[in-house]
N, C-alpha and C. Protein backbone atom coordinates (compact mmCIF):
# COMPACT_ATOMS: atom_id res chain seq x y z
N MET A 1 29.40 12.26 17.63
CA MET A 1 29.65 13.21 17.52
C MET A 1 30.69 14.39 18.06
N SER A 2 31.29 15.22 17.57
CA SER A 2 32.94 15.75 17.41
C SER A 2 32.48 16.56 17.74
N ARG A 3 33.90 16.95 18.72
CA ARG A 3 34.06 18.07 19.84
C ARG A 3 33.66 19.20 19.49
N GLY A 4 33.52 19.56 18.26
CA GLY A 4 32.64 20.97 17.89
C GLY A 4 31.55 20.63 17.98
N THR A 5 30.59 20.05 17.63
CA THR A 5 29.17 20.14 18.16
C THR A 5 28.89 19.78 19.36
N LEU A 6 29.49 19.00 20.35
CA LEU A 6 29.61 19.52 21.87
C LEU A 6 29.62 20.77 22.53
N LEU A 7 30.89 21.31 21.70
CA LEU A 7 31.42 22.82 22.62
C LEU A 7 30.44 23.78 21.59
N ILE A 8 29.00 23.58 20.96
CA ILE A 8 28.79 24.89 20.69
C ILE A 8 27.89 25.01 21.81
N GLY A 9 28.01 26.40 21.72
CA GLY A 9 27.21 27.35 22.85
C GLY A 9 27.99 26.79 24.09
N ILE A 10 28.90 26.33 24.53
CA ILE A 10 29.38 26.25 25.72
C ILE A 10 30.25 27.22 26.21
N ALA A 11 30.14 28.02 26.47
CA ALA A 11 30.77 29.16 27.45
C ALA A 11 32.06 29.24 28.61
N LEU A 12 33.07 28.80 28.17
CA LEU A 12 34.31 28.45 29.02
C LEU A 12 34.06 29.27 30.21
N ALA A 13 34.30 28.96 31.71
CA ALA A 13 34.32 29.83 32.53
C ALA A 13 35.84 30.62 32.65
N ALA A 14 35.74 31.28 32.79
CA ALA A 14 37.02 32.11 32.86
C ALA A 14 37.93 32.27 33.97
N GLY A 15 38.05 31.14 34.46
CA GLY A 15 38.78 31.32 35.77
C GLY A 15 38.66 30.97 37.27
N GLY A 16 38.45 32.50 37.57
CA GLY A 16 37.88 32.75 38.79
C GLY A 16 36.36 33.28 38.67
N VAL A 17 36.15 34.00 39.96
CA VAL A 17 34.89 34.96 40.18
C VAL A 17 35.13 36.51 40.15
N ALA A 18 34.86 37.90 39.78
CA ALA A 18 34.97 38.64 39.72
C ALA A 18 34.01 39.07 40.91
N LEU A 19 35.17 39.99 41.73
CA LEU A 19 34.06 40.04 42.74
C LEU A 19 34.40 42.05 43.11
N LEU A 20 33.07 42.34 43.21
CA LEU A 20 33.73 44.28 43.57
C LEU A 20 33.03 44.39 44.55
N ALA A 21 34.38 45.16 45.55
CA ALA A 21 34.79 45.35 46.56
C ALA A 21 33.34 46.40 46.91
N CYS A 22 33.40 46.88 48.11
CA CYS A 22 31.93 47.71 48.44
C CYS A 22 33.23 48.80 49.05
N SER A 23 32.03 49.41 48.90
CA SER A 23 32.50 51.32 49.33
C SER A 23 32.37 51.11 51.34
N PRO A 24 33.33 51.67 52.04
CA PRO A 24 33.17 51.37 53.47
C PRO A 24 31.46 52.13 53.93
N ARG A 25 31.52 52.75 53.06
CA ARG A 25 29.80 53.73 53.57
C ARG A 25 28.92 52.69 53.32
N GLU A 26 28.86 51.61 52.67
CA GLU A 26 28.00 50.82 52.00
C GLU A 26 28.24 49.16 52.36
N PRO A 27 28.25 49.05 53.40
CA PRO A 27 28.94 47.83 54.14
C PRO A 27 28.00 46.50 53.26
N SER A 28 29.10 45.49 52.84
CA SER A 28 27.90 44.64 52.02
C SER A 28 27.62 43.10 52.70
N PRO A 29 26.57 42.56 52.86
CA PRO A 29 25.84 41.62 53.59
C PRO A 29 26.94 40.35 53.31
N GLU A 30 27.37 40.31 52.26
CA GLU A 30 28.18 39.21 52.34
C GLU A 30 29.73 39.52 51.54
N PRO A 31 30.60 39.77 52.77
CA PRO A 31 31.62 40.19 52.42
C PRO A 31 32.69 39.08 51.65
N LEU A 32 33.94 39.85 50.92
CA LEU A 32 34.70 39.03 50.31
C LEU A 32 35.05 37.63 50.57
N ASP A 33 35.14 37.41 51.55
CA ASP A 33 35.80 36.05 52.19
C ASP A 33 34.75 35.17 52.97
N GLY A 34 33.19 35.39 52.08
CA GLY A 34 32.36 34.60 52.69
C GLY A 34 31.56 35.48 54.07
N PRO A 35 30.16 34.35 53.94
CA PRO A 35 29.11 34.94 54.59
C PRO A 35 29.49 35.00 56.24
N ALA A 36 29.79 36.18 56.74
CA ALA A 36 30.90 36.89 57.82
C ALA A 36 29.86 35.98 59.39
N THR A 37 28.64 35.88 58.98
CA THR A 37 27.48 35.32 59.73
C THR A 37 27.86 33.97 59.80
N TRP A 38 28.42 33.31 59.26
CA TRP A 38 28.38 31.59 58.95
C TRP A 38 29.28 31.43 60.09
N ASN A 39 28.35 30.49 61.26
CA ASN A 39 28.99 29.43 61.65
C ASN A 39 28.54 27.80 62.03
N SER A 40 27.59 27.46 61.08
CA SER A 40 26.57 26.52 60.97
C SER A 40 27.88 25.38 60.04
N SER A 41 27.68 23.93 60.90
CA SER A 41 28.90 22.82 60.14
C SER A 41 29.17 22.88 59.08
N ALA A 42 29.57 22.22 58.47
CA ALA A 42 30.27 21.93 56.85
C ALA A 42 28.85 21.11 56.01
N ALA A 43 28.75 20.56 56.79
CA ALA A 43 27.19 19.70 56.60
C ALA A 43 26.31 20.65 55.79
N ASP A 44 25.77 21.57 56.39
CA ASP A 44 24.80 22.80 56.63
C ASP A 44 25.38 23.30 55.19
N LEU A 45 26.63 23.55 54.84
CA LEU A 45 26.87 24.77 53.88
C LEU A 45 26.93 23.85 52.42
N ALA A 46 27.35 22.43 52.78
CA ALA A 46 26.91 21.45 51.64
C ALA A 46 25.71 21.44 51.00
N GLY A 47 24.85 21.65 51.98
CA GLY A 47 23.30 21.87 51.85
C GLY A 47 22.53 22.79 50.81
N HIS A 48 23.67 23.57 51.47
CA HIS A 48 23.33 25.14 50.51
C HIS A 48 24.06 25.07 49.44
N ILE A 49 24.96 24.80 48.54
CA ILE A 49 25.43 24.08 47.66
C ILE A 49 25.07 23.21 47.06
N GLN A 50 24.71 22.15 47.52
CA GLN A 50 23.75 21.24 46.63
C GLN A 50 22.14 21.69 46.43
N ARG A 51 21.69 22.37 47.14
CA ARG A 51 20.24 23.25 46.43
C ARG A 51 20.62 23.94 45.57
N ALA A 52 21.67 24.73 45.40
CA ALA A 52 21.98 26.14 44.48
C ALA A 52 22.35 25.25 43.45
N LEU A 53 23.02 24.27 43.62
CA LEU A 53 23.32 23.66 42.24
C LEU A 53 21.86 23.14 41.69
N ASP A 54 21.35 22.10 42.54
CA ASP A 54 20.07 21.50 41.93
C ASP A 54 19.22 22.45 41.60
N ALA A 55 19.18 23.45 41.99
CA ALA A 55 18.02 24.64 41.75
C ALA A 55 18.54 24.96 39.95
N LYS A 56 19.58 25.43 39.83
CA LYS A 56 20.40 25.79 38.32
C LYS A 56 20.14 24.73 37.51
N GLY A 57 20.11 23.34 37.72
CA GLY A 57 19.92 22.25 37.02
C GLY A 57 20.30 21.79 35.66
N HIS A 58 21.70 22.29 35.91
CA HIS A 58 22.60 21.88 34.75
C HIS A 58 23.96 22.81 34.69
N TYR A 59 25.44 21.80 34.23
CA TYR A 59 25.88 22.70 34.51
C TYR A 59 27.64 21.90 33.01
N VAL A 60 28.02 22.45 32.79
CA VAL A 60 29.17 22.32 31.88
C VAL A 60 30.40 22.46 32.55
N LEU A 61 31.31 21.28 32.70
CA LEU A 61 33.14 21.01 33.40
C LEU A 61 33.76 21.42 32.56
N THR A 62 34.99 22.08 32.12
CA THR A 62 35.94 21.72 31.65
C THR A 62 36.82 21.25 32.70
N VAL A 63 37.40 20.19 32.35
CA VAL A 63 38.34 19.12 33.08
C VAL A 63 39.62 19.22 32.60
N ASP A 64 40.44 19.14 33.22
CA ASP A 64 41.76 19.28 33.36
C ASP A 64 42.34 18.33 34.16
N GLN A 65 42.94 16.74 34.08
CA GLN A 65 43.49 15.95 35.19
C GLN A 65 43.89 14.85 34.38
N HIS A 66 44.73 13.93 35.04
CA HIS A 66 45.72 12.97 33.87
C HIS A 66 45.31 11.90 34.64
N ASN A 67 44.81 10.53 33.82
CA ASN A 67 44.96 9.32 33.88
C ASN A 67 43.41 9.38 35.45
N LEU A 68 42.34 10.00 35.26
CA LEU A 68 41.22 9.74 35.97
C LEU A 68 40.51 8.52 35.68
N VAL A 69 40.51 7.34 36.37
CA VAL A 69 40.17 6.55 36.20
C VAL A 69 38.46 5.94 36.45
N LEU A 70 38.10 5.83 35.17
CA LEU A 70 36.51 6.00 35.00
C LEU A 70 35.76 4.31 35.37
N PRO A 71 34.92 3.86 36.03
CA PRO A 71 34.75 2.80 35.96
C PRO A 71 34.18 1.96 34.95
N GLN A 72 34.35 0.74 34.37
CA GLN A 72 34.26 0.27 33.45
C GLN A 72 34.86 1.04 31.82
N TRP A 73 36.17 1.84 32.34
CA TRP A 73 36.33 2.73 31.19
C TRP A 73 37.73 2.86 30.91
N GLY A 74 38.14 3.22 32.29
CA GLY A 74 40.03 3.43 32.13
C GLY A 74 39.75 4.89 32.28
N GLY A 75 41.59 5.15 32.32
CA GLY A 75 41.98 6.42 32.93
C GLY A 75 41.01 7.70 31.92
N VAL A 76 40.93 8.98 31.99
CA VAL A 76 40.72 9.77 31.07
C VAL A 76 41.44 11.01 31.80
N ASP A 77 41.77 12.18 30.59
CA ASP A 77 42.62 13.05 30.73
C ASP A 77 41.63 14.65 30.47
N ALA A 78 41.93 15.13 29.62
CA ALA A 78 41.08 16.76 29.84
C ALA A 78 39.99 16.67 28.81
N GLY A 79 39.10 17.40 28.80
CA GLY A 79 37.87 17.85 27.88
C GLY A 79 36.87 17.95 28.89
N VAL A 80 35.67 18.54 28.05
CA VAL A 80 34.28 19.17 28.53
C VAL A 80 33.62 17.67 28.81
N VAL A 81 32.60 18.14 29.76
CA VAL A 81 30.98 16.72 30.14
C VAL A 81 30.37 18.30 30.91
N GLY A 82 29.14 18.08 29.71
CA GLY A 82 27.82 18.30 30.07
C GLY A 82 27.30 17.37 31.27
N VAL A 83 26.24 18.43 31.97
CA VAL A 83 25.65 17.33 33.12
C VAL A 83 24.19 17.84 33.85
N SER A 84 23.79 17.09 33.56
CA SER A 84 21.67 17.23 33.72
C SER A 84 21.37 16.07 34.56
N PRO A 85 20.56 15.97 35.20
CA PRO A 85 20.21 14.93 35.78
C PRO A 85 19.35 13.72 34.78
N ASP A 86 19.13 14.07 33.39
CA ASP A 86 18.49 12.90 32.88
C ASP A 86 19.71 12.87 31.55
N VAL A 87 20.92 13.63 30.87
CA VAL A 87 21.64 13.57 30.16
C VAL A 87 22.70 13.64 30.16
N VAL A 88 24.07 13.14 30.50
CA VAL A 88 25.34 13.57 30.05
C VAL A 88 25.75 13.33 28.78
N VAL A 89 26.90 14.30 28.70
CA VAL A 89 27.84 14.15 27.25
C VAL A 89 29.17 14.62 27.55
N ALA A 90 29.57 13.74 26.52
CA ALA A 90 31.18 13.95 27.20
C ALA A 90 31.95 13.83 25.90
N GLU A 91 33.18 14.91 25.89
CA GLU A 91 34.29 14.76 24.85
C GLU A 91 35.54 14.85 25.73
N LEU A 92 36.14 13.33 25.80
CA LEU A 92 37.21 12.86 26.93
C LEU A 92 38.27 12.48 26.21
N THR A 93 39.59 12.61 26.40
CA THR A 93 40.63 12.23 26.05
C THR A 93 40.95 10.71 26.42
N ARG A 94 40.59 9.60 26.43
CA ARG A 94 41.24 8.42 27.12
C ARG A 94 42.58 8.20 27.01
N THR A 95 43.42 8.12 28.48
CA THR A 95 44.61 8.43 28.79
C THR A 95 45.23 6.88 27.92
N GLY A 96 46.40 8.02 26.89
CA GLY A 96 47.25 6.34 26.35
C GLY A 96 46.31 6.01 24.89
N ASP A 97 44.94 6.46 24.69
CA ASP A 97 44.12 5.71 23.43
C ASP A 97 43.73 7.08 22.57
N GLY A 98 42.98 7.74 22.81
CA GLY A 98 42.66 8.97 21.86
C GLY A 98 41.39 9.37 22.38
N ARG A 99 40.74 10.36 21.78
CA ARG A 99 39.38 11.02 21.71
C ARG A 99 38.16 10.34 21.66
N TYR A 100 37.04 10.71 22.26
CA TYR A 100 36.04 9.88 22.85
C TYR A 100 34.89 10.97 22.69
N SER A 101 33.79 10.63 22.01
CA SER A 101 32.32 11.27 22.32
C SER A 101 31.46 10.29 23.10
N MET A 102 31.30 10.47 24.21
CA MET A 102 30.48 9.66 25.22
C MET A 102 28.94 10.77 25.61
N MET A 103 27.96 9.48 25.91
CA MET A 103 26.84 10.00 26.14
C MET A 103 26.01 9.20 27.29
N ARG A 104 25.18 9.79 28.43
CA ARG A 104 24.49 8.74 29.11
C ARG A 104 23.06 9.26 28.88
N THR A 105 22.79 8.48 28.95
CA THR A 105 20.74 8.50 28.65
C THR A 105 20.34 7.51 28.86
N ASN A 106 19.02 7.05 30.06
CA ASN A 106 18.12 6.16 30.53
C ASN A 106 19.10 5.34 31.35
N GLY A 107 20.17 5.46 31.32
CA GLY A 107 20.87 4.89 32.64
C GLY A 107 22.18 4.19 31.40
N GLU A 108 22.09 4.25 30.61
CA GLU A 108 22.74 3.60 29.66
C GLU A 108 23.58 4.25 29.06
N THR A 109 25.25 4.18 28.85
CA THR A 109 26.55 4.89 27.73
C THR A 109 26.77 4.31 26.49
N TYR A 110 26.97 5.14 25.92
CA TYR A 110 27.46 5.07 24.30
C TYR A 110 28.65 5.91 24.37
N PHE A 111 29.63 5.32 23.43
CA PHE A 111 30.61 6.10 22.63
C PHE A 111 30.92 6.21 21.65
N LYS A 112 31.84 6.85 20.88
CA LYS A 112 32.14 6.88 19.75
C LYS A 112 33.84 7.84 19.93
N ARG A 113 34.71 6.41 19.32
CA ARG A 113 36.43 7.14 19.02
C ARG A 113 36.07 8.03 17.61
N GLU A 114 36.44 9.33 17.95
CA GLU A 114 36.94 10.49 16.93
C GLU A 114 37.12 9.54 15.66
N THR A 115 38.21 8.63 15.89
CA THR A 115 38.56 8.13 14.34
C THR A 115 37.51 7.13 13.61
N CYS A 116 36.30 7.13 14.79
CA CYS A 116 35.17 6.00 13.62
C CYS A 116 33.94 7.01 13.65
N GLY A 117 32.98 5.75 13.05
CA GLY A 117 31.74 6.45 12.30
C GLY A 117 30.70 5.83 13.56
N GLU A 118 30.91 4.42 13.88
CA GLU A 118 29.84 3.95 14.49
C GLU A 118 29.86 4.34 15.87
N TRP A 119 28.62 4.06 16.83
CA TRP A 119 28.60 4.40 17.87
C TRP A 119 28.46 2.90 18.82
N ALA A 120 28.58 2.82 20.12
CA ALA A 120 28.65 1.74 20.45
C ALA A 120 28.47 1.69 22.37
N ARG A 121 28.11 0.48 22.35
CA ARG A 121 27.50 0.76 24.07
C ARG A 121 28.41 0.07 24.79
N VAL A 122 28.56 0.59 26.20
CA VAL A 122 29.54 -0.28 27.28
C VAL A 122 28.60 -1.33 27.45
N PRO A 123 29.61 -2.49 27.88
CA PRO A 123 28.72 -3.71 28.01
C PRO A 123 27.48 -3.52 29.02
N GLY A 124 26.90 -3.72 29.26
CA GLY A 124 25.10 -3.68 30.01
C GLY A 124 24.82 -2.58 30.22
N GLY A 125 25.04 -1.51 29.34
CA GLY A 125 25.19 -0.11 29.35
C GLY A 125 24.81 0.84 30.61
N VAL A 126 25.84 0.32 31.74
CA VAL A 126 26.22 0.95 32.59
C VAL A 126 26.10 2.37 32.80
N ALA A 127 25.62 2.81 34.10
CA ALA A 127 25.42 4.53 33.89
C ALA A 127 26.75 5.25 34.53
N ASP A 128 27.66 3.76 35.01
CA ASP A 128 28.30 4.69 35.92
C ASP A 128 29.86 5.28 35.48
N VAL A 129 30.27 4.91 34.18
CA VAL A 129 31.27 5.70 33.55
C VAL A 129 31.33 7.18 33.99
N LEU A 130 30.24 7.67 33.42
CA LEU A 130 30.32 8.90 33.42
C LEU A 130 29.77 9.87 35.09
N ALA A 131 29.35 8.66 35.99
CA ALA A 131 28.86 9.29 37.25
C ALA A 131 29.76 10.09 37.93
N PRO A 132 31.12 10.06 37.76
CA PRO A 132 31.73 10.57 39.02
C PRO A 132 31.51 12.45 38.83
N PHE A 133 31.46 12.57 37.56
CA PHE A 133 31.20 13.85 37.01
C PHE A 133 29.48 14.79 37.54
N VAL A 134 28.68 13.78 37.83
CA VAL A 134 27.72 13.98 37.85
C VAL A 134 27.54 14.26 39.37
N LEU A 135 26.70 15.61 39.80
CA LEU A 135 26.60 15.99 41.07
C LEU A 135 25.71 16.56 41.45
N ILE A 136 24.57 16.54 40.51
CA ILE A 136 23.66 17.19 40.68
C ILE A 136 22.45 16.20 40.45
N GLY A 137 21.18 16.19 41.63
CA GLY A 137 20.26 15.64 41.37
C GLY A 137 20.29 14.05 42.10
N ASN A 138 21.31 14.67 42.94
CA ASN A 138 22.26 12.73 43.30
C ASN A 138 22.25 13.49 45.42
N GLN A 139 22.56 14.17 45.66
CA GLN A 139 23.17 14.21 46.85
C GLN A 139 24.50 14.83 46.66
N GLY A 140 25.21 14.61 45.54
CA GLY A 140 26.71 14.16 45.29
C GLY A 140 27.69 15.13 46.43
N ILE A 141 27.08 16.39 46.25
CA ILE A 141 27.86 17.19 47.42
C ILE A 141 27.48 17.05 48.97
N ALA A 142 25.57 17.37 49.14
CA ALA A 142 25.11 17.37 50.81
C ALA A 142 25.80 15.92 51.31
N ALA A 143 25.95 14.49 50.70
CA ALA A 143 25.68 13.59 51.36
C ALA A 143 27.82 12.95 50.81
N ALA A 144 28.31 13.92 50.63
CA ALA A 144 29.82 13.68 50.39
C ALA A 144 30.78 13.30 51.71
N ARG A 145 31.46 12.31 51.25
CA ARG A 145 32.17 12.09 53.06
C ARG A 145 33.44 13.20 53.12
N GLY A 146 33.90 13.25 54.24
CA GLY A 146 35.28 13.99 54.30
C GLY A 146 34.65 15.60 54.79
N LEU A 147 33.49 15.88 54.92
CA LEU A 147 33.19 17.21 54.76
C LEU A 147 33.80 18.47 55.92
N GLN A 148 34.62 19.04 55.19
CA GLN A 148 35.37 20.24 56.18
C GLN A 148 35.19 21.88 55.93
N LEU A 149 35.19 22.03 56.94
CA LEU A 149 34.79 23.92 56.78
C LEU A 149 36.35 24.25 56.03
N LEU A 150 36.83 25.19 55.13
CA LEU A 150 37.88 25.63 54.91
C LEU A 150 37.97 27.85 55.61
N PRO A 151 39.42 27.63 55.70
CA PRO A 151 39.79 28.99 56.12
C PRO A 151 39.13 29.72 55.11
N GLY A 152 38.36 30.87 55.09
CA GLY A 152 38.37 32.46 54.11
C GLY A 152 36.37 32.01 54.11
N ARG A 153 36.22 30.86 54.13
CA ARG A 153 34.53 30.66 53.79
C ARG A 153 34.51 31.00 52.18
N THR A 154 35.32 30.55 51.83
CA THR A 154 34.89 30.42 50.39
C THR A 154 34.91 29.17 49.30
N ALA A 155 35.42 28.10 50.63
CA ALA A 155 35.79 26.43 50.00
C ALA A 155 35.22 25.68 50.84
N ILE A 156 35.11 24.09 50.46
CA ILE A 156 34.86 23.48 51.56
C ILE A 156 35.67 22.03 51.13
N GLY A 157 36.14 21.22 52.09
CA GLY A 157 36.63 20.51 51.47
C GLY A 157 35.15 19.06 51.39
N LEU A 158 35.93 17.90 50.81
CA LEU A 158 35.33 16.42 50.45
C LEU A 158 35.87 15.41 49.77
N GLU A 159 35.45 14.72 50.12
CA GLU A 159 35.83 13.23 49.41
C GLU A 159 34.69 13.46 48.18
N LEU A 160 35.18 12.82 47.06
CA LEU A 160 34.41 12.37 45.68
C LEU A 160 35.00 11.13 44.88
N PRO A 161 33.70 10.42 44.90
CA PRO A 161 34.01 8.64 44.05
C PRO A 161 35.06 9.18 43.23
N VAL A 162 36.19 8.35 42.88
CA VAL A 162 37.36 8.76 41.92
C VAL A 162 38.20 9.70 41.96
N ALA A 163 37.21 11.07 42.29
CA ALA A 163 38.35 12.11 42.11
C ALA A 163 39.28 12.15 43.51
N GLY A 164 38.72 11.31 44.73
CA GLY A 164 38.97 11.66 45.82
C GLY A 164 38.86 12.58 46.77
N SER A 165 39.95 13.04 47.41
CA SER A 165 39.95 13.87 48.49
C SER A 165 40.02 15.10 47.80
N VAL A 166 39.22 16.53 47.09
CA VAL A 166 39.39 17.52 46.92
C VAL A 166 38.65 18.85 47.60
N THR A 167 38.86 20.30 46.86
CA THR A 167 38.72 21.14 47.36
C THR A 167 37.39 22.09 46.76
N LEU A 168 36.19 22.43 47.27
CA LEU A 168 35.42 22.82 46.07
C LEU A 168 35.38 24.53 46.21
N ARG A 169 35.71 25.24 45.20
CA ARG A 169 35.24 26.77 45.68
C ARG A 169 34.19 27.09 45.12
N TYR A 170 33.66 28.05 46.29
CA TYR A 170 31.59 28.23 45.62
C TYR A 170 32.09 29.65 45.43
N ASP A 171 30.54 30.18 44.27
CA ASP A 171 30.44 31.64 44.71
C ASP A 171 29.74 32.33 45.91
N VAL A 172 30.51 32.79 46.85
CA VAL A 172 29.55 33.24 48.27
C VAL A 172 28.18 33.96 48.39
N GLN A 173 27.77 34.41 46.99
CA GLN A 173 26.37 35.12 47.03
C GLN A 173 25.42 34.54 46.41
N THR A 174 26.00 33.12 45.87
CA THR A 174 24.92 32.13 44.97
C THR A 174 25.04 30.42 45.83
N TYR A 175 26.29 30.23 46.24
CA TYR A 175 26.73 29.11 46.54
C TYR A 175 27.36 28.22 45.55
N LEU A 176 26.55 28.67 44.36
CA LEU A 176 27.01 27.52 42.92
C LEU A 176 28.27 27.28 43.32
N PRO A 177 28.59 26.35 42.91
CA PRO A 177 30.18 26.14 42.72
C PRO A 177 30.86 26.53 41.49
N VAL A 178 32.35 26.65 41.58
CA VAL A 178 32.93 27.21 40.98
C VAL A 178 33.93 26.46 40.61
N GLU A 179 35.03 25.88 41.65
CA GLU A 179 35.86 25.14 40.59
C GLU A 179 35.61 24.23 41.82
N ILE A 180 36.54 22.83 41.10
CA ILE A 180 37.28 21.15 42.04
C ILE A 180 38.23 21.54 41.67
N TRP A 181 38.96 20.84 42.71
CA TRP A 181 40.67 20.59 42.73
C TRP A 181 41.37 19.94 43.39
N ALA A 182 42.37 19.08 43.17
CA ALA A 182 42.64 18.00 43.63
C ALA A 182 44.50 18.51 44.10
N LEU A 183 45.05 18.07 44.48
CA LEU A 183 46.54 18.14 44.83
C LEU A 183 47.05 16.78 44.52
N ASP A 184 48.23 16.41 44.31
CA ASP A 184 48.95 15.20 44.08
C ASP A 184 49.54 14.83 45.44
N GLU A 185 50.13 13.71 45.61
CA GLU A 185 50.54 12.81 46.98
C GLU A 185 51.08 13.67 47.39
N ALA A 186 52.10 14.83 47.32
CA ALA A 186 53.11 15.68 47.98
C ALA A 186 52.31 17.31 48.17
N SER A 187 51.13 17.17 47.99
CA SER A 187 50.20 18.39 47.88
C SER A 187 50.83 19.81 47.45
N THR A 188 51.74 19.46 46.48
CA THR A 188 52.46 20.54 45.77
C THR A 188 52.37 21.09 44.38
N ALA A 189 51.04 20.28 43.71
CA ALA A 189 50.51 20.65 41.93
C ALA A 189 49.21 20.13 42.00
N ARG A 190 48.41 20.53 41.35
CA ARG A 190 47.28 20.53 41.23
C ARG A 190 47.34 18.76 39.64
N ARG A 191 46.52 18.14 40.35
CA ARG A 191 46.82 17.10 39.47
C ARG A 191 45.21 16.48 38.81
N LEU A 192 44.29 17.48 39.16
CA LEU A 192 42.93 17.59 38.95
C LEU A 192 42.04 19.10 39.11
N LEU A 193 41.40 19.40 37.83
CA LEU A 193 41.06 21.06 38.32
C LEU A 193 39.44 21.05 36.99
N TRP A 194 38.75 21.06 37.98
CA TRP A 194 37.29 21.11 36.88
C TRP A 194 36.20 22.60 37.74
N THR A 195 36.56 23.51 35.89
CA THR A 195 35.36 24.82 36.29
C THR A 195 34.70 24.43 35.73
N PHE A 196 33.51 25.25 36.13
CA PHE A 196 31.90 25.14 36.43
C PHE A 196 31.64 26.13 35.41
N ASP A 197 30.35 26.02 34.12
CA ASP A 197 30.17 26.98 33.27
C ASP A 197 28.43 26.90 33.54
N TYR A 198 27.76 27.59 33.78
CA TYR A 198 26.03 27.72 33.67
C TYR A 198 25.61 28.40 32.74
N ASP A 199 26.32 29.10 31.71
CA ASP A 199 25.44 29.52 31.13
C ASP A 199 25.47 29.05 29.57
N SER A 200 25.55 27.79 29.49
CA SER A 200 25.24 26.92 28.40
C SER A 200 23.99 25.90 28.27
N PRO A 201 23.12 26.02 27.25
CA PRO A 201 21.94 24.85 27.74
C PRO A 201 22.28 23.93 27.89
N PRO A 202 21.06 23.07 28.59
CA PRO A 202 21.24 22.14 29.21
C PRO A 202 21.87 20.91 28.40
N PRO A 203 22.70 20.15 28.65
CA PRO A 203 23.23 19.12 27.75
C PRO A 203 22.10 18.04 27.22
N ALA A 204 21.67 17.59 25.70
CA ALA A 204 21.01 17.21 24.80
C ALA A 204 21.32 15.84 24.45
N ILE A 205 20.56 14.79 23.44
CA ILE A 205 21.02 13.91 23.34
C ILE A 205 21.59 14.21 21.99
N GLN A 206 22.28 13.97 21.75
CA GLN A 206 23.84 14.21 20.24
C GLN A 206 23.83 13.21 19.47
N GLY A 207 23.82 12.03 19.98
CA GLY A 207 24.61 10.82 19.43
C GLY A 207 23.71 10.10 18.41
N PRO A 208 23.47 8.92 18.95
CA PRO A 208 22.53 8.15 17.70
C PRO A 208 21.32 8.31 18.02
N THR A 209 20.27 7.79 16.91
CA THR A 209 18.98 8.06 17.33
C THR A 209 18.62 6.54 18.40
N GLU A 210 17.35 6.95 19.08
CA GLU A 210 16.64 6.25 19.78
C GLU A 210 16.82 4.62 18.99
N ASP A 211 16.65 4.30 17.72
CA ASP A 211 16.65 3.12 16.81
C ASP A 211 18.17 2.57 17.15
N GLY A 212 19.03 3.60 16.79
CA GLY A 212 20.63 3.28 16.41
C GLY A 212 21.23 3.00 18.45
N ARG A 213 20.60 3.77 18.94
CA ARG A 213 20.96 2.71 20.79
C ARG A 213 20.43 1.71 20.29
N GLN A 214 19.34 1.43 19.99
CA GLN A 214 18.80 0.17 20.22
C GLN A 214 19.65 -1.17 19.47
N ARG A 215 20.27 -0.89 18.81
CA ARG A 215 21.07 -1.69 17.45
C ARG A 215 22.32 -1.42 17.96
N ALA A 216 23.04 -0.57 18.54
CA ALA A 216 24.30 -0.41 19.06
C ALA A 216 25.05 -1.83 19.44
N PRO A 217 26.31 -2.07 19.19
CA PRO A 217 27.12 -3.41 19.11
C PRO A 217 27.77 -3.05 20.74
N GLU A 218 28.09 -4.09 21.93
CA GLU A 218 28.57 -3.74 23.05
C GLU A 218 29.82 -3.73 22.88
N ARG A 219 30.50 -2.83 23.38
CA ARG A 219 31.76 -3.42 23.51
C ARG A 219 32.80 -2.27 24.29
N GLY A 220 33.67 -2.68 24.98
CA GLY A 220 34.97 -1.28 25.89
C GLY A 220 35.29 -0.69 24.82
N PRO A 221 35.79 0.54 25.11
CA PRO A 221 36.75 1.12 24.18
C PRO A 221 38.17 0.56 24.21
N GLY A 222 39.12 1.35 23.32
CA GLY A 222 40.30 1.11 23.47
C GLY A 222 40.33 -0.69 22.16
N GLY A 223 41.08 -1.42 22.29
CA GLY A 223 41.67 -2.11 21.07
C GLY A 223 41.12 -1.66 19.75
N ASN A 224 40.37 -2.67 19.05
CA ASN A 224 40.08 -2.37 17.55
C ASN A 224 39.02 -1.45 17.36
N PRO A 225 39.43 0.27 17.34
CA PRO A 225 38.78 1.46 17.74
C PRO A 225 37.68 1.33 17.02
N CYS A 226 37.43 0.73 15.56
CA CYS A 226 36.19 0.38 14.97
C CYS A 226 36.12 -0.79 14.76
């Protein structure tokens, strides 16, 4: 699966959310700085965000990061990840290696380096490799550690597996996540930014056929790429 194939139908998010100011004569029940009446806990807010995301059913992440270490894979840099509860597809650059097409289905992870024609399966077929990007159908936000209400009522702090301590900005009208970011150790620059898009169709299996997956050799990335 080429990057072009994965990106068909993916409309990249355009950076923030455009919000229209309301006339003083027509006050909005949801001000620009978030729900004015919101006085519940961070867990309550995380629950609202989780339910909105689960109801949407799928999303596409445009990820900008450096050496985010995925389980049984190693570090990854920028790319695109399409997520649904059943199928996850990705085009990610492995740090210091090259570009890979990746797919998770039926609890197994398959991959193909961009210079190769053959798909392989991660040893044991584990689903953990792409799990850090999956926040749907698993209480990934609602059950996160370190939940924290942040000033302005447009974002929430939390801890995610692999990504660590992050800030999640959400749409105050829909509660859908807009972006997730993290700061470096000095809290001066972004080292991770994930942008959500919901306009694309759900990710579909676009790699090897079922027969091809059954015959796929098991190996890890890197080394002899083909």
